[in-house]
Amino acid sequence: MTATWFLPDLWQDYVQDPGRQGIFLVLAAFLTSFVFIRTSARMSRSDRFPWWPGSVVTDSGVHLHHLVWGIVLMMAGGTLGFALHSQPPWFEICAVIFGVGVGLTFDEFALWVYLRDVYWAREGRTSIDAVAVTAAFMGLVFLGVNPLQFSGDDTTSTLYSVGYSLMVLAVSGVCFAKSRFLHGFASFVLPPVGLWAVIRLGKPTSPWARWRYSKRDPQRQERAVERFGPHRRTARIVEWLRQAVGGVAHPGHEPDSLQQREADLARARVREADASARAAEEVHARALAEEHYRAALDEHRAAVADGDGGPARERD
């Protein structure tokens, strides 16, 4: 009974009155659909749930990823949301539809990047990271965190607020470039946390490392590799969370990256060979057609020449 009285007050005070019901519904639907589709994929993959439906495959053998349904739902929710002019309850319904579409789409984020099915491969962990970053961003928006707060009654105060906002954006941008996402989001609330990450090393696979380390500074690259190696406790915890959410690939089920690339390359070579063979056949067919045409033309010219010379020889 206490929860029944308390929850409506929370909804009224922290969601509805500040006008945050839209982003809250998008965030809730996003997380719910992601958890559902990831659980569904793991159940369809497990031998313990043979009755659970698996992937959608057409009669022609085309695999329809749930990324497709997610894009369709995002298009439908966004279009209807604009068309209905935020009329309740359609605004809330469109927000839920859009959030469900985002969850289905981001669950296959790795498919965007690698352009092949790496759902259960190690590269598929990119989807888990993308979902975590997106959920953190939506959470900050829901909490009303806005680094671009330009205010002030005089010129000095306005310039101070503008400079502060730009500084926060720059610090968070450097943190994201170093792949230190936790510090990047925390800098929106507590900029000193981001400043601490700015002066520290970036992760060895981050864009910052490719720009600033690598061949430019091999020693710093080695330090970054040693600093953020898999032996770190935080790295082991993050990997455990990824496996808990995304699942662990069974032996022989996870596609190896090198083998996958070799298979893709072999298929590409077969397609190129088939295309070359078809092109050679077309060239040969055209050559035969031209040869037949020339032979027929020569025969026609010979027949015409014989027809013109016959009467003349008879008159002679």
Protein backbone atom coordinates (compact mmCIF):
# COMPACT_ATOMS: atom_id res chain seq x y z
CA MET A 1 0.00 0.00 0.00
CA THR A 2 2.82 2.39 0.83
CA ALA A 3 4.45 1.74 -2.56
CA THR A 4 1.10 2.32 -4.27
CA TRP A 5 0.89 5.79 -2.70
CA PHE A 6 4.59 6.59 -3.07
CA LEU A 7 5.17 5.73 -6.74
CA PRO A 8 2.55 8.11 -8.18
CA ASP A 9 4.12 10.95 -6.18
CA LEU A 10 7.55 10.10 -7.57
CA TRP A 11 6.17 9.99 -11.10
CA GLN A 12 4.44 13.34 -10.62
CA ASP A 13 7.37 15.12 -8.96
CA TYR A 14 10.36 13.77 -10.88
CA VAL A 15 8.98 12.69 -14.27
CA GLN A 16 5.74 14.38 -15.25
CA ASP A 17 6.13 17.86 -13.77
CA PRO A 18 9.66 18.44 -15.20
CA GLY A 19 8.40 17.21 -18.58
CA ARG A 20 10.67 14.17 -18.70
CA GLN A 21 8.10 11.45 -19.31
CA GLY A 22 9.10 11.16 -22.96
CA ILE A 23 12.80 10.47 -22.38
CA PHE A 24 11.94 8.24 -19.41
CA LEU A 25 9.67 6.06 -21.55
CA VAL A 26 12.26 5.90 -24.32
CA LEU A 27 14.96 4.87 -21.84
CA ALA A 28 12.75 2.28 -20.10
CA ALA A 29 11.56 0.78 -23.39
CA PHE A 30 15.12 0.78 -24.73
CA LEU A 31 16.52 -1.17 -21.77
CA THR A 32 13.51 -3.51 -21.59
CA SER A 33 13.64 -4.42 -25.29
CA PHE A 34 17.41 -4.90 -25.17
CA VAL A 35 17.19 -7.24 -22.16
CA PHE A 36 14.32 -9.14 -23.78
CA ILE A 37 15.93 -9.63 -27.20
CA ARG A 38 19.32 -10.53 -25.71
CA THR A 39 17.65 -13.06 -23.38
CA SER A 40 15.62 -14.41 -26.29
CA ALA A 41 18.76 -14.85 -28.39
CA ARG A 42 20.54 -16.67 -25.59
CA MET A 43 17.53 -18.94 -24.97
CA SER A 44 17.20 -19.83 -28.66
CA ARG A 45 20.90 -20.65 -28.66
CA SER A 46 20.77 -22.84 -25.57
CA ASP A 47 19.96 -26.55 -25.75
CA ARG A 48 17.90 -26.23 -22.56
CA PHE A 49 15.18 -24.29 -24.37
CA PRO A 50 14.50 -26.19 -27.62
CA TRP A 51 10.92 -24.88 -27.66
CA TRP A 52 11.98 -21.21 -27.79
CA PRO A 53 11.64 -19.71 -31.30
CA GLY A 54 14.86 -18.76 -33.02
CA SER A 55 15.78 -16.36 -35.80
CA VAL A 56 13.36 -15.28 -38.50
CA VAL A 57 14.39 -16.90 -41.80
CA THR A 58 12.38 -16.53 -45.00
CA ASP A 59 11.61 -19.37 -47.40
CA SER A 60 14.42 -18.17 -49.66
CA GLY A 61 16.92 -18.45 -46.81
CA VAL A 62 17.23 -14.75 -46.00
CA HIS A 63 17.93 -14.12 -42.29
CA LEU A 64 15.95 -11.12 -41.06
CA HIS A 65 17.95 -9.72 -38.16
CA HIS A 66 16.02 -7.97 -35.39
CA LEU A 67 17.98 -4.90 -36.47
CA VAL A 68 15.47 -4.68 -39.33
CA TRP A 69 12.47 -4.63 -37.00
CA GLY A 70 14.22 -2.07 -34.80
CA ILE A 71 14.76 0.33 -37.69
CA VAL A 72 11.12 -0.04 -38.76
CA LEU A 73 9.89 0.65 -35.23
CA MET A 74 12.12 3.72 -34.89
CA MET A 75 10.82 5.06 -38.19
CA ALA A 76 7.21 4.40 -37.16
CA GLY A 77 7.57 5.86 -33.65
CA GLY A 78 9.45 8.95 -34.82
CA THR A 79 7.13 9.67 -37.74
CA LEU A 80 3.94 9.22 -35.73
CA GLY A 81 5.39 11.28 -32.88
CA PHE A 82 5.87 14.25 -35.23
CA ALA A 83 2.55 13.71 -36.97
CA LEU A 84 0.43 13.58 -33.79
CA HIS A 85 1.90 16.82 -32.33
CA SER A 86 2.64 15.34 -28.86
CA GLN A 87 -0.99 14.52 -28.12
CA PRO A 88 -1.42 12.25 -25.09
CA PRO A 89 -1.54 9.29 -24.88
CA TRP A 90 -0.15 8.92 -28.44
CA PHE A 91 3.01 10.79 -27.50
CA GLU A 92 3.77 8.26 -24.77
CA ILE A 93 2.92 5.33 -27.08
CA CYS A 94 5.24 6.67 -29.79
CA ALA A 95 8.01 7.12 -27.21
CA VAL A 96 7.67 3.47 -26.18
CA ILE A 97 7.66 2.30 -29.82
CA PHE A 98 10.76 4.38 -30.54
CA GLY A 99 12.55 3.06 -27.43
CA VAL A 100 11.79 -0.55 -28.35
CA GLY A 101 13.20 0.08 -31.82
CA VAL A 102 16.38 1.58 -30.35
CA GLY A 103 16.86 -1.46 -28.13
CA LEU A 104 16.46 -3.93 -31.01
CA THR A 105 18.77 -1.90 -33.24
CA PHE A 106 21.57 -1.33 -30.72
CA ASP A 107 21.59 -5.00 -29.76
CA GLU A 108 23.14 -5.57 -33.20
CA PHE A 109 25.34 -2.50 -33.18
CA ALA A 110 28.34 -4.67 -34.13
CA LEU A 111 26.56 -5.53 -37.37
CA TRP A 112 26.71 -1.83 -38.33
CA VAL A 113 30.46 -1.72 -37.77
CA TYR A 114 31.69 -5.04 -39.18
CA LEU A 115 28.96 -5.53 -41.81
CA ARG A 116 28.75 -9.23 -41.02
CA ASP A 117 27.09 -11.40 -38.40
CA VAL A 118 29.43 -11.28 -35.40
CA TYR A 119 26.66 -11.47 -32.80
CA TRP A 120 28.36 -14.26 -30.83
CA ALA A 121 31.93 -13.39 -31.80
CA ARG A 122 34.27 -11.31 -29.69
CA GLU A 123 33.60 -8.35 -31.98
CA GLY A 124 29.96 -8.64 -30.95
CA ARG A 125 30.90 -7.26 -27.52
CA THR A 126 30.84 -3.87 -29.27
CA SER A 127 27.05 -4.00 -29.06
CA ILE A 128 27.19 -4.34 -25.27
CA ASP A 129 29.50 -1.33 -25.03
CA ALA A 130 27.27 0.71 -27.34
CA VAL A 131 24.19 -0.09 -25.26
CA ALA A 132 25.98 0.93 -22.05
CA VAL A 133 27.12 4.24 -23.56
CA THR A 134 23.65 4.97 -24.98
CA ALA A 135 21.94 4.14 -21.69
CA ALA A 136 24.34 6.42 -19.81
CA PHE A 137 23.67 9.25 -22.26
CA MET A 138 19.90 8.83 -21.97
CA GLY A 139 20.20 8.69 -18.20
CA LEU A 140 22.05 12.01 -18.10
CA VAL A 141 19.41 13.57 -20.34
CA PHE A 142 16.67 12.23 -18.07
CA LEU A 143 18.40 13.66 -15.00
CA GLY A 144 18.49 17.04 -16.70
CA VAL A 145 22.28 17.28 -16.97
CA ASN A 146 23.02 20.05 -19.46
CA PRO A 147 26.60 21.30 -19.83
CA LEU A 148 25.46 24.10 -22.16
CA GLN A 149 24.00 26.42 -19.53
CA PHE A 150 24.58 29.94 -20.75
CA SER A 151 23.38 32.37 -18.11
CA GLY A 152 24.35 35.63 -16.50
CA ASP A 153 23.05 39.15 -16.03
CA ASP A 154 26.21 40.86 -17.28
CA THR A 155 28.85 40.22 -19.92
CA THR A 156 31.40 38.79 -17.51
CA SER A 157 28.99 36.19 -16.09
CA THR A 158 27.83 35.22 -19.57
CA LEU A 159 31.39 34.75 -20.81
CA TYR A 160 32.23 32.73 -17.71
CA SER A 161 29.28 30.38 -18.26
CA VAL A 162 30.10 30.00 -21.96
CA GLY A 163 33.75 29.25 -21.19
CA TYR A 164 32.80 26.74 -18.50
CA SER A 165 30.42 24.91 -20.84
CA LEU A 166 32.98 24.75 -23.63
CA MET A 167 35.60 23.51 -21.17
CA VAL A 168 33.31 20.71 -20.01
CA LEU A 169 32.61 19.67 -23.60
CA ALA A 170 36.32 19.68 -24.44
CA VAL A 171 37.22 17.60 -21.38
CA SER A 172 34.49 15.05 -22.05
CA GLY A 173 35.51 14.91 -25.74
CA VAL A 174 39.10 14.06 -24.82
CA CYS A 175 37.86 11.39 -22.40
CA PHE A 176 35.71 9.82 -25.11
CA ALA A 177 38.64 9.95 -27.57
CA LYS A 178 40.70 8.04 -25.01
CA SER A 179 37.85 5.49 -24.69
CA ARG A 180 37.42 6.41 -21.03
CA PHE A 181 33.67 6.70 -21.28
CA LEU A 182 32.93 6.57 -17.55
CA HIS A 183 35.12 9.61 -16.93
CA GLY A 184 33.63 11.35 -19.98
CA PHE A 185 30.07 11.08 -18.68
CA ALA A 186 31.14 11.86 -15.12
CA SER A 187 32.77 15.09 -16.33
CA PHE A 188 29.33 16.49 -17.20
CA VAL A 189 28.51 16.39 -13.50
CA LEU A 190 31.98 16.63 -11.93
CA PRO A 191 34.51 18.17 -14.36
CA PRO A 192 37.53 17.36 -12.11
CA VAL A 193 36.90 13.67 -12.78
CA GLY A 194 37.29 14.33 -16.48
CA LEU A 195 40.38 16.47 -15.93
CA TRP A 196 42.00 13.58 -14.08
CA ALA A 197 41.38 11.32 -17.11
CA VAL A 198 42.71 13.97 -19.51
CA ILE A 199 46.17 13.91 -17.93
CA ARG A 200 46.23 10.12 -17.74
CA LEU A 201 46.95 7.55 -20.44
CA GLY A 202 44.34 6.63 -23.01
CA LYS A 203 43.44 3.06 -23.84
CA PRO A 204 45.76 1.47 -26.43
CA THR A 205 42.94 0.80 -28.92
CA SER A 206 41.34 4.24 -28.59
CA PRO A 207 41.35 6.91 -31.32
CA TRP A 208 43.57 9.04 -29.08
CA ALA A 209 46.20 6.28 -29.01
CA ARG A 210 46.12 6.01 -32.80
CA TRP A 211 46.60 9.77 -33.11
CA ARG A 212 49.05 10.48 -30.32
CA TYR A 213 50.80 7.17 -29.51
CA SER A 214 51.38 4.33 -31.94
CA LYS A 215 54.31 5.25 -34.24
CA ARG A 216 54.62 8.76 -32.81
CA ASP A 217 55.34 7.60 -29.30
CA PRO A 218 55.93 3.82 -29.12
CA GLN A 219 56.97 3.98 -25.48
CA ARG A 220 53.71 5.56 -24.44
CA GLN A 221 51.85 2.99 -26.55
CA GLU A 222 53.62 0.20 -24.67
CA ARG A 223 52.76 1.86 -21.35
CA ALA A 224 49.11 2.05 -22.40
CA VAL A 225 49.09 -1.63 -23.37
CA GLU A 226 50.61 -2.55 -20.02
CA ARG A 227 48.33 -0.20 -18.12
CA PHE A 228 45.08 -1.44 -19.67
CA GLY A 229 45.98 -5.09 -20.14
CA PRO A 230 43.54 -7.94 -19.49
CA HIS A 231 45.26 -8.67 -16.18
CA ARG A 232 43.69 -5.57 -14.55
CA ARG A 233 40.93 -6.20 -12.05
CA THR A 234 38.63 -3.66 -13.69
CA ALA A 235 39.24 -5.28 -17.10
CA ARG A 236 38.30 -8.68 -15.67
CA ILE A 237 35.16 -7.22 -14.09
CA VAL A 238 34.14 -5.52 -17.34
CA GLU A 239 34.72 -8.73 -19.29
CA TRP A 240 32.68 -10.68 -16.75
CA LEU A 241 29.82 -8.20 -17.14
CA ARG A 242 30.01 -8.45 -20.92
CA GLN A 243 29.81 -12.21 -20.74
CA ALA A 244 26.98 -12.07 -18.19
CA VAL A 245 24.94 -9.83 -20.49
CA GLY A 246 26.05 -10.97 -23.93
CA GLY A 247 26.67 -14.63 -23.21
CA VAL A 248 29.73 -16.81 -23.68
CA ALA A 249 30.30 -18.44 -27.03
CA HIS A 250 30.34 -22.23 -27.06
CA PRO A 251 33.50 -23.91 -28.38
CA GLY A 252 33.33 -24.09 -32.12
CA HIS A 253 30.28 -21.82 -32.27
CA GLU A 254 32.04 -18.51 -32.09
CA PRO A 255 33.30 -17.53 -35.52
CA ASP A 256 37.04 -16.85 -35.52
CA SER A 257 37.92 -13.47 -36.95
CA LEU A 258 40.81 -14.73 -39.11
CA GLN A 259 38.86 -17.71 -40.38
CA GLN A 260 35.89 -15.48 -41.08
CA ARG A 261 38.05 -13.08 -43.06
CA GLU A 262 39.62 -15.95 -45.00
CA ALA A 263 36.18 -17.37 -45.78
CA ASP A 264 34.95 -13.95 -46.91
CA LEU A 265 38.05 -13.55 -49.07
CA ALA A 266 37.56 -17.01 -50.59
CA ARG A 267 33.93 -16.23 -51.39
CA ALA A 268 34.98 -12.91 -52.91
CA ARG A 269 37.54 -14.70 -55.09
CA VAL A 270 34.93 -17.21 -56.23
CA ARG A 271 32.57 -14.38 -57.14
CA GLU A 272 35.35 -12.62 -59.04
CA ALA A 273 36.21 -15.84 -60.89
CA ASP A 274 32.56 -16.39 -61.79
CA ALA A 275 32.27 -12.82 -63.00
CA SER A 276 35.45 -13.19 -65.09
CA ALA A 277 34.15 -16.44 -66.57
CA ARG A 278 30.83 -14.85 -67.47
CA ALA A 279 32.63 -11.87 -69.02
CA ALA A 280 34.86 -14.22 -71.06
CA GLU A 281 31.81 -16.14 -72.25
CA GLU A 282 30.11 -12.92 -73.28
CA VAL A 283 33.23 -11.77 -75.20
CA HIS A 284 33.48 -15.16 -76.92
CA ALA A 285 29.81 -15.10 -77.83
CA ARG A 286 30.15 -11.61 -79.27
CA ALA A 287 33.21 -12.68 -81.28
CA LEU A 288 31.32 -15.67 -82.70
CA ALA A 289 28.36 -13.46 -83.54
CA GLU A 290 30.59 -10.98 -85.31
CA GLU A 291 32.35 -13.81 -87.19
CA HIS A 292 29.00 -15.25 -88.34
CA TYR A 293 27.84 -11.81 -89.33
CA ARG A 294 30.96 -11.16 -91.39
CA ALA A 295 30.73 -14.57 -93.07
CA ALA A 296 27.11 -13.96 -93.96
CA LEU A 297 27.96 -10.49 -95.25
CA ASP A 298 30.79 -11.89 -97.40
CA GLU A 299 28.46 -14.55 -98.82
CA HIS A 300 25.87 -11.88 -99.59
CA ARG A 301 28.43 -9.69 -101.33
CA ALA A 302 29.69 -12.66 -103.35
CA ALA A 303 26.16 -13.57 -104.39
CA VAL A 304 25.46 -10.00 -105.45
CA ALA A 305 28.73 -9.90 -107.42
CA ASP A 306 27.87 -13.17 -109.19
CA GLY A 307 24.41 -11.90 -110.05
CA ASP A 308 25.77 -8.71 -111.63
CA GLY A 309 28.45 -10.46 -113.71
CA GLY A 310 26.31 -13.33 -115.06
CA PRO A 311 24.21 -11.42 -117.63
CA ALA A 312 27.24 -9.49 -118.84
CA ARG A 313 29.16 -12.68 -119.59
CA GLU A 314 26.13 -14.09 -121.47
CA ARG A 315 25.97 -10.97 -123.67
CA ASP A 316 29.62 -11.24 -124.49
